[in-house]
Amino acid sequence: MDVKAEVLRVFQEKDTMLDSKAIAVELELDKKEVSKAIAQLKKEDLIFSPKRCFYQFKKIKKELQALFFSLAPNDFQKSRWEGVDPPCR
């Protein structure tokens, strides 16, 4: 299988920040090969770097943003307080 696809699979399974060394150990590959695959995935905007030398899968964050922005503010407030008196301010 393609190294890039294997690296992406690891990111999807772990759902946390990973560095190239940890991925190389898990996949039993050379760190340089993993670093090249990470660079390609970053160019394709599938992963991002929340911290220097660590990377994380990006698709989940996009899905959450889409879900968050799909709710109108009034819809969110209605669903949250439906049938309940809102607290005093």
PDB file of N, CA and C in Angstrom:
ATOM      1  N   MET A   1       0.843  -1.196   0.000  1.00  0.00           N
ATOM      2  CA  MET A   1       0.000   0.000   0.000  1.00  0.00           C
ATOM      3  C   MET A   1       0.885   1.255   0.000  1.00  0.00           C
ATOM      4  N   ASP A   2       0.353   2.327  -0.449  1.00  0.00           N
ATOM      5  CA  ASP A   2       1.038   3.602  -0.535  1.00  0.00           C
ATOM      6  C   ASP A   2       1.383   4.128   0.857  1.00  0.00           C
ATOM      7  N   VAL A   3       2.578   4.672   1.015  1.00  0.00           N
ATOM      8  CA  VAL A   3       3.026   5.196   2.318  1.00  0.00           C
ATOM      9  C   VAL A   3       2.121   6.337   2.772  1.00  0.00           C
ATOM     10  N   LYS A   4       1.757   7.200   1.843  1.00  0.00           N
ATOM     11  CA  LYS A   4       0.894   8.341   2.179  1.00  0.00           C
ATOM     12  C   LYS A   4      -0.458   7.866   2.720  1.00  0.00           C
ATOM     13  N   ALA A   5      -1.019   6.847   2.099  1.00  0.00           N
ATOM     14  CA  ALA A   5      -2.305   6.314   2.556  1.00  0.00           C
ATOM     15  C   ALA A   5      -2.181   5.675   3.929  1.00  0.00           C
ATOM     16  N   GLU A   6      -1.073   4.989   4.168  1.00  0.00           N
ATOM     17  CA  GLU A   6      -0.854   4.369   5.482  1.00  0.00           C
ATOM     18  C   GLU A   6      -0.700   5.428   6.574  1.00  0.00           C
ATOM     19  N   VAL A   7       0.038   6.489   6.269  1.00  0.00           N
ATOM     20  CA  VAL A   7       0.222   7.575   7.240  1.00  0.00           C
ATOM     21  C   VAL A   7      -1.116   8.244   7.541  1.00  0.00           C
ATOM     22  N   LEU A   8      -1.908   8.486   6.521  1.00  0.00           N
ATOM     23  CA  LEU A   8      -3.222   9.090   6.711  1.00  0.00           C
ATOM     24  C   LEU A   8      -4.122   8.190   7.552  1.00  0.00           C
ATOM     25  N   ARG A   9      -4.048   6.890   7.336  1.00  0.00           N
ATOM     26  CA  ARG A   9      -4.834   5.939   8.122  1.00  0.00           C
ATOM     27  C   ARG A   9      -4.464   6.009   9.601  1.00  0.00           C
ATOM     28  N   VAL A  10      -3.161   6.140   9.881  1.00  0.00           N
ATOM     29  CA  VAL A  10      -2.712   6.249  11.278  1.00  0.00           C
ATOM     30  C   VAL A  10      -3.254   7.529  11.902  1.00  0.00           C
ATOM     31  N   PHE A  11      -3.208   8.631  11.179  1.00  0.00           N
ATOM     32  CA  PHE A  11      -3.753   9.888  11.704  1.00  0.00           C
ATOM     33  C   PHE A  11      -5.240   9.755  12.001  1.00  0.00           C
ATOM     34  N   GLN A  12      -5.970   9.101  11.121  1.00  0.00           N
ATOM     35  CA  GLN A  12      -7.409   8.935  11.324  1.00  0.00           C
ATOM     36  C   GLN A  12      -7.701   8.046  12.524  1.00  0.00           C
ATOM     37  N   GLU A  13      -6.935   6.999  12.700  1.00  0.00           N
ATOM     38  CA  GLU A  13      -7.163   6.071  13.815  1.00  0.00           C
ATOM     39  C   GLU A  13      -6.802   6.690  15.159  1.00  0.00           C
ATOM     40  N   LYS A  14      -5.694   7.404  15.217  1.00  0.00           N
ATOM     41  CA  LYS A  14      -5.212   7.948  16.498  1.00  0.00           C
ATOM     42  C   LYS A  14      -5.990   9.178  16.933  1.00  0.00           C
ATOM     43  N   ASP A  15      -6.350  10.041  16.003  1.00  0.00           N
ATOM     44  CA  ASP A  15      -7.106  11.255  16.313  1.00  0.00           C
ATOM     45  C   ASP A  15      -6.439  12.096  17.399  1.00  0.00           C
ATOM     46  N   THR A  16      -5.130  12.204  17.329  1.00  0.00           N
ATOM     47  CA  THR A  16      -4.359  13.019  18.262  1.00  0.00           C
ATOM     48  C   THR A  16      -3.108  13.535  17.545  1.00  0.00           C
ATOM     49  N   MET A  17      -2.358  14.391  18.200  1.00  0.00           N
ATOM     50  CA  MET A  17      -1.132  14.905  17.597  1.00  0.00           C
ATOM     51  C   MET A  17      -0.078  13.793  17.549  1.00  0.00           C
ATOM     52  N   LEU A  18       0.576  13.675  16.407  1.00  0.00           N
ATOM     53  CA  LEU A  18       1.626  12.673  16.228  1.00  0.00           C
ATOM     54  C   LEU A  18       2.821  13.303  15.544  1.00  0.00           C
ATOM     55  N   ASP A  19       4.002  12.777  15.836  1.00  0.00           N
ATOM     56  CA  ASP A  19       5.186  13.214  15.113  1.00  0.00           C
ATOM     57  C   ASP A  19       5.608  12.108  14.155  1.00  0.00           C
ATOM     58  N   SER A  20       6.525  12.427  13.258  1.00  0.00           N
ATOM     59  CA  SER A  20       6.910  11.465  12.225  1.00  0.00           C
ATOM     60  C   SER A  20       7.589  10.235  12.825  1.00  0.00           C
ATOM     61  N   LYS A  21       8.296  10.407  13.927  1.00  0.00           N
ATOM     62  CA  LYS A  21       8.979   9.268  14.552  1.00  0.00           C
ATOM     63  C   LYS A  21       7.969   8.244  15.075  1.00  0.00           C
ATOM     64  N   ALA A  22       6.913   8.711  15.728  1.00  0.00           N
ATOM     65  CA  ALA A  22       5.897   7.804  16.268  1.00  0.00           C
ATOM     66  C   ALA A  22       5.191   7.041  15.150  1.00  0.00           C
ATOM     67  N   ILE A  23       4.919   7.727  14.050  1.00  0.00           N
ATOM     68  CA  ILE A  23       4.262   7.072  12.918  1.00  0.00           C
ATOM     69  C   ILE A  23       5.204   6.060  12.269  1.00  0.00           C
ATOM     70  N   ALA A  24       6.480   6.424  12.140  1.00  0.00           N
ATOM     71  CA  ALA A  24       7.466   5.521  11.546  1.00  0.00           C
ATOM     72  C   ALA A  24       7.606   4.253  12.378  1.00  0.00           C
ATOM     73  N   VAL A  25       7.597   4.381  13.687  1.00  0.00           N
ATOM     74  CA  VAL A  25       7.695   3.208  14.559  1.00  0.00           C
ATOM     75  C   VAL A  25       6.460   2.325  14.407  1.00  0.00           C
ATOM     76  N   GLU A  26       5.296   2.941  14.377  1.00  0.00           N
ATOM     77  CA  GLU A  26       4.057   2.160  14.259  1.00  0.00           C
ATOM     78  C   GLU A  26       3.958   1.427  12.923  1.00  0.00           C
ATOM     79  N   LEU A  27       4.351   2.101  11.856  1.00  0.00           N
ATOM     80  CA  LEU A  27       4.256   1.491  10.526  1.00  0.00           C
ATOM     81  C   LEU A  27       5.504   0.694  10.147  1.00  0.00           C
ATOM     82  N   GLU A  28       6.526   0.741  10.983  1.00  0.00           N
ATOM     83  CA  GLU A  28       7.803   0.074  10.727  1.00  0.00           C
ATOM     84  C   GLU A  28       8.403   0.530   9.399  1.00  0.00           C
ATOM     85  N   LEU A  29       8.427   1.844   9.221  1.00  0.00           N
ATOM     86  CA  LEU A  29       8.994   2.460   8.020  1.00  0.00           C
ATOM     87  C   LEU A  29      10.111   3.409   8.413  1.00  0.00           C
ATOM     88  N   ASP A  30      10.861   3.864   7.405  1.00  0.00           N
ATOM     89  CA  ASP A  30      11.905   4.849   7.625  1.00  0.00           C
ATOM     90  C   ASP A  30      11.272   6.214   7.912  1.00  0.00           C
ATOM     91  N   LYS A  31      11.864   6.966   8.827  1.00  0.00           N
ATOM     92  CA  LYS A  31      11.312   8.269   9.218  1.00  0.00           C
ATOM     93  C   LYS A  31      11.294   9.246   8.035  1.00  0.00           C
ATOM     94  N   LYS A  32      12.269   9.145   7.139  1.00  0.00           N
ATOM     95  CA  LYS A  32      12.312  10.044   5.983  1.00  0.00           C
ATOM     96  C   LYS A  32      11.125   9.814   5.044  1.00  0.00           C
ATOM     97  N   GLU A  33      10.754   8.545   4.855  1.00  0.00           N
ATOM     98  CA  GLU A  33       9.594   8.238   4.018  1.00  0.00           C
ATOM     99  C   GLU A  33       8.325   8.817   4.628  1.00  0.00           C
ATOM    100  N   VAL A  34       8.199   8.675   5.941  1.00  0.00           N
ATOM    101  CA  VAL A  34       7.027   9.189   6.648  1.00  0.00           C
ATOM    102  C   VAL A  34       6.991  10.714   6.564  1.00  0.00           C
ATOM    103  N   SER A  35       8.147  11.350   6.709  1.00  0.00           N
ATOM    104  CA  SER A  35       8.207  12.817   6.630  1.00  0.00           C
ATOM    105  C   SER A  35       7.787  13.319   5.253  1.00  0.00           C
ATOM    106  N   LYS A  36       8.172  12.606   4.199  1.00  0.00           N
ATOM    107  CA  LYS A  36       7.752  12.981   2.841  1.00  0.00           C
ATOM    108  C   LYS A  36       6.236  12.852   2.691  1.00  0.00           C
ATOM    109  N   ALA A  37       5.690  11.770   3.230  1.00  0.00           N
ATOM    110  CA  ALA A  37       4.243  11.572   3.147  1.00  0.00           C
ATOM    111  C   ALA A  37       3.509  12.651   3.940  1.00  0.00           C
ATOM    112  N   ILE A  38       4.032  13.025   5.093  1.00  0.00           N
ATOM    113  CA  ILE A  38       3.427  14.085   5.904  1.00  0.00           C
ATOM    114  C   ILE A  38       3.444  15.407   5.143  1.00  0.00           C
ATOM    115  N   ALA A  39       4.557  15.694   4.475  1.00  0.00           N
ATOM    116  CA  ALA A  39       4.651  16.932   3.695  1.00  0.00           C
ATOM    117  C   ALA A  39       3.603  16.959   2.586  1.00  0.00           C
ATOM    118  N   GLN A  40       3.390  15.826   1.918  1.00  0.00           N
ATOM    119  CA  GLN A  40       2.376  15.763   0.868  1.00  0.00           C
ATOM    120  C   GLN A  40       0.975  15.945   1.444  1.00  0.00           C
ATOM    121  N   LEU A  41       0.709  15.299   2.582  1.00  0.00           N
ATOM    122  CA  LEU A  41      -0.611  15.425   3.209  1.00  0.00           C
ATOM    123  C   LEU A  41      -0.869  16.860   3.666  1.00  0.00           C
ATOM    124  N   LYS A  42       0.178  17.519   4.124  1.00  0.00           N
ATOM    125  CA  LYS A  42       0.032  18.917   4.555  1.00  0.00           C
ATOM    126  C   LYS A  42      -0.267  19.822   3.352  1.00  0.00           C
ATOM    127  N   LYS A  43       0.379  19.558   2.224  1.00  0.00           N
ATOM    128  CA  LYS A  43       0.109  20.333   1.007  1.00  0.00           C
ATOM    129  C   LYS A  43      -1.321  20.115   0.527  1.00  0.00           C
ATOM    130  N   GLU A  44      -1.837  18.905   0.715  1.00  0.00           N
ATOM    131  CA  GLU A  44      -3.208  18.591   0.309  1.00  0.00           C
ATOM    132  C   GLU A  44      -4.229  19.069   1.338  1.00  0.00           C
ATOM    133  N   ASP A  45      -3.758  19.684   2.405  1.00  0.00           N
ATOM    134  CA  ASP A  45      -4.609  20.267   3.450  1.00  0.00           C
ATOM    135  C   ASP A  45      -5.436  19.200   4.195  1.00  0.00           C
ATOM    136  N   LEU A  46      -4.856  18.012   4.361  1.00  0.00           N
ATOM    137  CA  LEU A  46      -5.533  16.951   5.103  1.00  0.00           C
ATOM    138  C   LEU A  46      -5.076  16.877   6.553  1.00  0.00           C
ATOM    139  N   ILE A  47      -3.890  17.433   6.828  1.00  0.00           N
ATOM    140  CA  ILE A  47      -3.384  17.486   8.201  1.00  0.00           C
ATOM    141  C   ILE A  47      -2.896  18.897   8.479  1.00  0.00           C
ATOM    142  N   PHE A  48      -2.731  19.225   9.744  1.00  0.00           N
ATOM    143  CA  PHE A  48      -2.186  20.526  10.116  1.00  0.00           C
ATOM    144  C   PHE A  48      -1.228  20.339  11.278  1.00  0.00           C
ATOM    145  N   SER A  49      -0.502  21.380  11.604  1.00  0.00           N
ATOM    146  CA  SER A  49       0.500  21.314  12.658  1.00  0.00           C
ATOM    147  C   SER A  49       0.102  22.230  13.812  1.00  0.00           C
ATOM    148  N   PRO A  50      -0.543  21.681  14.861  1.00  0.00           N
ATOM    149  CA  PRO A  50      -0.931  22.509  15.999  1.00  0.00           C
ATOM    150  C   PRO A  50       0.260  22.888  16.878  1.00  0.00           C
ATOM    151  N   LYS A  51       1.352  22.136  16.741  1.00  0.00           N
ATOM    152  CA  LYS A  51       2.549  22.343  17.552  1.00  0.00           C
ATOM    153  C   LYS A  51       3.734  21.954  16.681  1.00  0.00           C
ATOM    154  N   ARG A  52       4.858  22.605  16.871  1.00  0.00           N
ATOM    155  CA  ARG A  52       6.021  22.361  16.029  1.00  0.00           C
ATOM    156  C   ARG A  52       6.398  20.873  16.013  1.00  0.00           C
ATOM    157  N   CYS A  53       6.552  20.342  14.817  1.00  0.00           N
ATOM    158  CA  CYS A  53       6.945  18.955  14.558  1.00  0.00           C
ATOM    159  C   CYS A  53       5.874  17.924  14.908  1.00  0.00           C
ATOM    160  N   PHE A  54       4.692  18.349  15.235  1.00  0.00           N
ATOM    161  CA  PHE A  54       3.578  17.442  15.488  1.00  0.00           C
ATOM    162  C   PHE A  54       2.467  17.770  14.502  1.00  0.00           C
ATOM    163  N   TYR A  55       1.726  16.756  14.120  1.00  0.00           N
ATOM    164  CA  TYR A  55       0.683  16.929  13.116  1.00  0.00           C
ATOM    165  C   TYR A  55      -0.591  16.234  13.572  1.00  0.00           C
ATOM    166  N   GLN A  56      -1.702  16.682  13.015  1.00  0.00           N
ATOM    167  CA  GLN A  56      -2.993  16.112  13.380  1.00  0.00           C
ATOM    168  C   GLN A  56      -3.896  16.102  12.158  1.00  0.00           C
ATOM    169  N   PHE A  57      -4.796  15.130  12.108  1.00  0.00           N
ATOM    170  CA  PHE A  57      -5.758  14.993  11.025  1.00  0.00           C
ATOM    171  C   PHE A  57      -6.708  16.183  11.031  1.00  0.00           C
ATOM    172  N   LYS A  58      -6.992  16.764   9.877  1.00  0.00           N
ATOM    173  CA  LYS A  58      -7.746  18.006   9.797  1.00  0.00           C
ATOM    174  C   LYS A  58      -9.215  17.828   9.448  1.00  0.00           C
ATOM    175  N   LYS A  59      -9.604  16.744   8.846  1.00  0.00           N
ATOM    176  CA  LYS A  59     -10.967  16.574   8.356  1.00  0.00           C
ATOM    177  C   LYS A  59     -11.988  16.677   9.480  1.00  0.00           C
ATOM    178  N   ILE A  60     -11.680  16.145  10.619  1.00  0.00           N
ATOM    179  CA  ILE A  60     -12.623  16.178  11.738  1.00  0.00           C
ATOM    180  C   ILE A  60     -12.893  17.618  12.163  1.00  0.00           C
ATOM    181  N   LYS A  61     -11.886  18.426  12.189  1.00  0.00           N
ATOM    182  CA  LYS A  61     -12.078  19.819  12.581  1.00  0.00           C
ATOM    183  C   LYS A  61     -12.974  20.530  11.577  1.00  0.00           C
ATOM    184  N   LYS A  62     -12.824  20.240  10.287  1.00  0.00           N
ATOM    185  CA  LYS A  62     -13.673  20.862   9.269  1.00  0.00           C
ATOM    186  C   LYS A  62     -15.117  20.419   9.444  1.00  0.00           C
ATOM    187  N   GLU A  63     -15.323  19.134   9.752  1.00  0.00           N
ATOM    188  CA  GLU A  63     -16.687  18.637   9.953  1.00  0.00           C
ATOM    189  C   GLU A  63     -17.344  19.313  11.151  1.00  0.00           C
ATOM    190  N   LEU A  64     -16.579  19.512  12.205  1.00  0.00           N
ATOM    191  CA  LEU A  64     -17.128  20.174  13.388  1.00  0.00           C
ATOM    192  C   LEU A  64     -17.471  21.625  13.098  1.00  0.00           C
ATOM    193  N   GLN A  65     -16.625  22.300  12.340  1.00  0.00           N
ATOM    194  CA  GLN A  65     -16.913  23.685  11.972  1.00  0.00           C
ATOM    195  C   GLN A  65     -18.175  23.751  11.125  1.00  0.00           C
ATOM    196  N   ALA A  66     -18.320  22.839  10.191  1.00  0.00           N
ATOM    197  CA  ALA A  66     -19.513  22.833   9.338  1.00  0.00           C
ATOM    198  C   ALA A  66     -20.761  22.604  10.180  1.00  0.00           C
ATOM    199  N   LEU A  67     -20.687  21.706  11.138  1.00  0.00           N
ATOM    200  CA  LEU A  67     -21.822  21.435  12.006  1.00  0.00           C
ATOM    201  C   LEU A  67     -22.148  22.658  12.861  1.00  0.00           C
ATOM    202  N   PHE A  68     -21.114  23.285  13.408  1.00  0.00           N
ATOM    203  CA  PHE A  68     -21.304  24.443  14.265  1.00  0.00           C
ATOM    204  C   PHE A  68     -21.936  25.602  13.496  1.00  0.00           C
ATOM    205  N   PHE A  69     -21.426  25.887  12.295  1.00  0.00           N
ATOM    206  CA  PHE A  69     -21.931  27.020  11.532  1.00  0.00           C
ATOM    207  C   PHE A  69     -23.244  26.719  10.818  1.00  0.00           C
ATOM    208  N   SER A  70     -23.620  25.441  10.741  1.00  0.00           N
ATOM    209  CA  SER A  70     -24.903  25.121  10.121  1.00  0.00           C
ATOM    210  C   SER A  70     -26.066  25.452  11.046  1.00  0.00           C
ATOM    211  N   LEU A  71     -25.802  25.534  12.346  1.00  0.00           N
ATOM    212  CA  LEU A  71     -26.844  25.904  13.302  1.00  0.00           C
ATOM    213  C   LEU A  71     -26.942  27.418  13.377  1.00  0.00           C
ATOM    214  N   ALA A  72     -28.115  27.939  13.152  1.00  0.00           N
ATOM    215  CA  ALA A  72     -28.313  29.382  13.320  1.00  0.00           C
ATOM    216  C   ALA A  72     -28.359  29.671  14.815  1.00  0.00           C
ATOM    217  N   PRO A  73     -27.929  30.851  15.259  1.00  0.00           N
ATOM    218  CA  PRO A  73     -27.938  31.158  16.691  1.00  0.00           C
ATOM    219  C   PRO A  73     -29.306  30.968  17.339  1.00  0.00           C
ATOM    220  N   ASN A  74     -30.372  31.356  16.645  1.00  0.00           N
ATOM    221  CA  ASN A  74     -31.702  31.200  17.224  1.00  0.00           C
ATOM    222  C   ASN A  74     -32.079  29.738  17.382  1.00  0.00           C
ATOM    223  N   ASP A  75     -31.696  28.915  16.408  1.00  0.00           N
ATOM    224  CA  ASP A  75     -31.981  27.482  16.498  1.00  0.00           C
ATOM    225  C   ASP A  75     -31.262  26.868  17.696  1.00  0.00           C
ATOM    226  N   PHE A  76     -30.026  27.280  17.907  1.00  0.00           N
ATOM    227  CA  PHE A  76     -29.260  26.745  19.031  1.00  0.00           C
ATOM    228  C   PHE A  76     -29.914  27.137  20.349  1.00  0.00           C
ATOM    229  N   GLN A  77     -30.310  28.383  20.469  1.00  0.00           N
ATOM    230  CA  GLN A  77     -30.929  28.838  21.716  1.00  0.00           C
ATOM    231  C   GLN A  77     -32.277  28.154  21.939  1.00  0.00           C
ATOM    232  N   LYS A  78     -33.048  27.973  20.878  1.00  0.00           N
ATOM    233  CA  LYS A  78     -34.345  27.318  21.023  1.00  0.00           C
ATOM    234  C   LYS A  78     -34.175  25.874  21.482  1.00  0.00           C
ATOM    235  N   SER A  79     -33.255  25.166  20.853  1.00  0.00           N
ATOM    236  CA  SER A  79     -33.080  23.762  21.212  1.00  0.00           C
ATOM    237  C   SER A  79     -32.513  23.626  22.619  1.00  0.00           C
ATOM    238  N   ARG A  80     -31.698  24.571  23.031  1.00  0.00           N
ATOM    239  CA  ARG A  80     -31.092  24.492  24.356  1.00  0.00           C
ATOM    240  C   ARG A  80     -32.105  24.792  25.456  1.00  0.00           C
ATOM    241  N   TRP A  81     -32.971  25.744  25.229  1.00  0.00           N
ATOM    242  CA  TRP A  81     -33.879  26.178  26.280  1.00  0.00           C
ATOM    243  C   TRP A  81     -35.331  25.764  26.048  1.00  0.00           C
ATOM    244  N   GLU A  82     -35.550  24.880  25.103  1.00  0.00           N
ATOM    245  CA  GLU A  82     -36.920  24.480  24.793  1.00  0.00           C
ATOM    246  C   GLU A  82     -37.555  23.769  25.998  1.00  0.00           C
ATOM    247  N   GLY A  83     -38.666  24.304  26.461  1.00  0.00           N
ATOM    248  CA  GLY A  83     -39.376  23.712  27.575  1.00  0.00           C
ATOM    249  C   GLY A  83     -38.794  24.029  28.943  1.00  0.00           C
ATOM    250  N   VAL A  84     -37.784  24.861  28.982  1.00  0.00           N
ATOM    251  CA  VAL A  84     -37.125  25.209  30.245  1.00  0.00           C
ATOM    252  C   VAL A  84     -37.035  26.734  30.334  1.00  0.00           C
ATOM    253  N   ASP A  85     -37.321  27.277  31.492  1.00  0.00           N
ATOM    254  CA  ASP A  85     -37.155  28.704  31.679  1.00  0.00           C
ATOM    255  C   ASP A  85     -35.673  29.035  31.722  1.00  0.00           C
ATOM    256  N   PRO A  86     -35.227  29.997  30.899  1.00  0.00           N
ATOM    257  CA  PRO A  86     -33.810  30.354  30.920  1.00  0.00           C
ATOM    258  C   PRO A  86     -33.446  30.967  32.274  1.00  0.00           C
ATOM    259  N   PRO A  87     -32.184  30.828  32.653  1.00  0.00           N
ATOM    260  CA  PRO A  87     -31.759  31.374  33.929  1.00  0.00           C
ATOM    261  C   PRO A  87     -31.814  32.903  33.931  1.00  0.00           C
ATOM    262  N   CYS A  88     -31.955  33.479  35.103  1.00  0.00           N
ATOM    263  CA  CYS A  88     -31.972  34.935  35.233  1.00  0.00           C
ATOM    264  C   CYS A  88     -30.590  35.469  34.931  1.00  0.00           C
ATOM    265  N   ARG A  89     -30.579  36.649  34.355  1.00  0.00           N
ATOM    266  CA  ARG A  89     -29.279  37.264  34.026  1.00  0.00           C
ATOM    267  C   ARG A  89     -28.946  38.341  34.992  1.00  0.00           C
TER     268      ARG A  89
END
